[in-house]
Amino acid sequence: SHEMSKKQTEAILGDLVNLVTKHLKKGDRIRIGGLGILVVRKRAARMGRNPATGEPIQIKASKKVAFRPAKELKEAV
């Protein structure tokens, strides 16, 4: 078995998060084998409701990160 310290693991995962963020900002689609696909999707502006008052409000267009799990991951769970 390959042992890594918590500090090493956190450093590697931190680097991974930074790389994923950088590529998503550029509009890239990221495929991680056995895990799934990360992609940025644009959400159009839309009408919503203020949950406290019930009044209609305009929600601005935005971007969201979408994740689609790999077939292997879905079958394993």
Protein backbone atom coordinates (compact mmCIF):
# COMPACT_ATOMS: atom_id res chain seq x y z
CA SER A 1 0.00 0.00 0.00
CA HIS A 2 1.16 3.53 -0.77
CA GLU A 3 1.01 5.81 2.24
CA MET A 4 0.84 9.58 1.89
CA SER A 5 0.75 12.14 4.66
CA LYS A 6 -2.34 14.26 5.14
CA LYS A 7 -0.26 17.32 4.20
CA GLN A 8 0.87 15.72 0.89
CA THR A 9 -2.68 14.66 0.08
CA GLU A 10 -4.04 18.16 0.77
CA ALA A 11 -1.32 19.70 -1.43
CA ILE A 12 -2.13 17.38 -4.35
CA LEU A 13 -5.88 17.95 -4.04
CA GLY A 14 -5.29 21.71 -3.77
CA ASP A 15 -3.29 21.62 -7.02
CA LEU A 16 -6.04 19.57 -8.67
CA VAL A 17 -8.73 22.07 -7.62
CA ASN A 18 -6.61 24.97 -8.95
CA LEU A 19 -6.11 23.23 -12.32
CA VAL A 20 -9.78 22.28 -12.63
CA THR A 21 -10.80 25.88 -11.81
CA LYS A 22 -8.36 27.31 -14.36
CA HIS A 23 -9.62 25.04 -17.14
CA LEU A 24 -13.31 25.56 -16.31
CA LYS A 25 -12.78 29.34 -16.46
CA LYS A 26 -11.35 28.90 -19.97
CA GLY A 27 -14.48 26.97 -20.97
CA ASP A 28 -12.81 23.56 -21.09
CA ARG A 29 -14.69 20.35 -20.35
CA ILE A 30 -12.86 18.17 -17.81
CA ARG A 31 -13.10 14.40 -17.87
CA ILE A 32 -11.72 12.47 -14.92
CA GLY A 33 -11.67 8.77 -15.80
CA GLY A 34 -13.82 6.63 -13.51
CA LEU A 35 -15.23 9.73 -11.80
CA GLY A 36 -17.08 11.85 -14.37
CA ILE A 37 -17.19 15.07 -16.36
CA LEU A 38 -17.16 18.68 -15.12
CA VAL A 39 -18.43 21.44 -17.41
CA VAL A 40 -19.59 25.05 -17.05
CA ARG A 41 -23.18 25.64 -18.10
CA LYS A 42 -24.76 29.04 -18.66
CA ARG A 43 -28.07 29.75 -16.94
CA ALA A 44 -30.33 32.28 -18.61
CA ALA A 45 -31.85 35.19 -16.72
CA ARG A 46 -35.24 34.23 -15.34
CA MET A 47 -38.03 35.27 -13.04
CA GLY A 48 -38.09 33.92 -9.51
CA ARG A 49 -39.83 34.67 -6.24
CA ASN A 50 -38.56 36.16 -3.02
CA PRO A 51 -39.30 33.31 -0.57
CA ALA A 52 -39.85 35.74 2.33
CA THR A 53 -42.32 38.09 0.62
CA GLY A 54 -43.55 36.09 -2.37
CA GLU A 55 -42.88 39.02 -4.71
CA PRO A 56 -41.54 38.26 -8.21
CA ILE A 57 -37.85 39.07 -8.73
CA GLN A 58 -35.53 39.03 -11.73
CA ILE A 59 -32.67 36.53 -11.36
CA LYS A 60 -29.56 37.47 -13.37
CA ALA A 61 -27.97 35.15 -15.92
CA SER A 62 -25.19 33.11 -14.33
CA LYS A 63 -22.85 30.19 -14.81
CA LYS A 64 -22.87 26.93 -12.90
CA VAL A 65 -20.55 23.97 -12.73
CA ALA A 66 -22.30 20.77 -13.76
CA PHE A 67 -21.04 17.28 -12.96
CA ARG A 68 -22.04 14.13 -14.82
CA PRO A 69 -20.88 10.96 -13.07
CA ALA A 70 -19.11 8.27 -15.07
CA LYS A 71 -20.92 5.01 -15.77
CA GLU A 72 -18.41 3.14 -13.56
CA LEU A 73 -19.15 5.44 -10.62
CA LYS A 74 -22.93 5.14 -11.05
CA GLU A 75 -22.72 1.35 -11.21
CA ALA A 76 -20.44 1.15 -8.17
CA VAL A 77 -22.83 3.13 -5.97
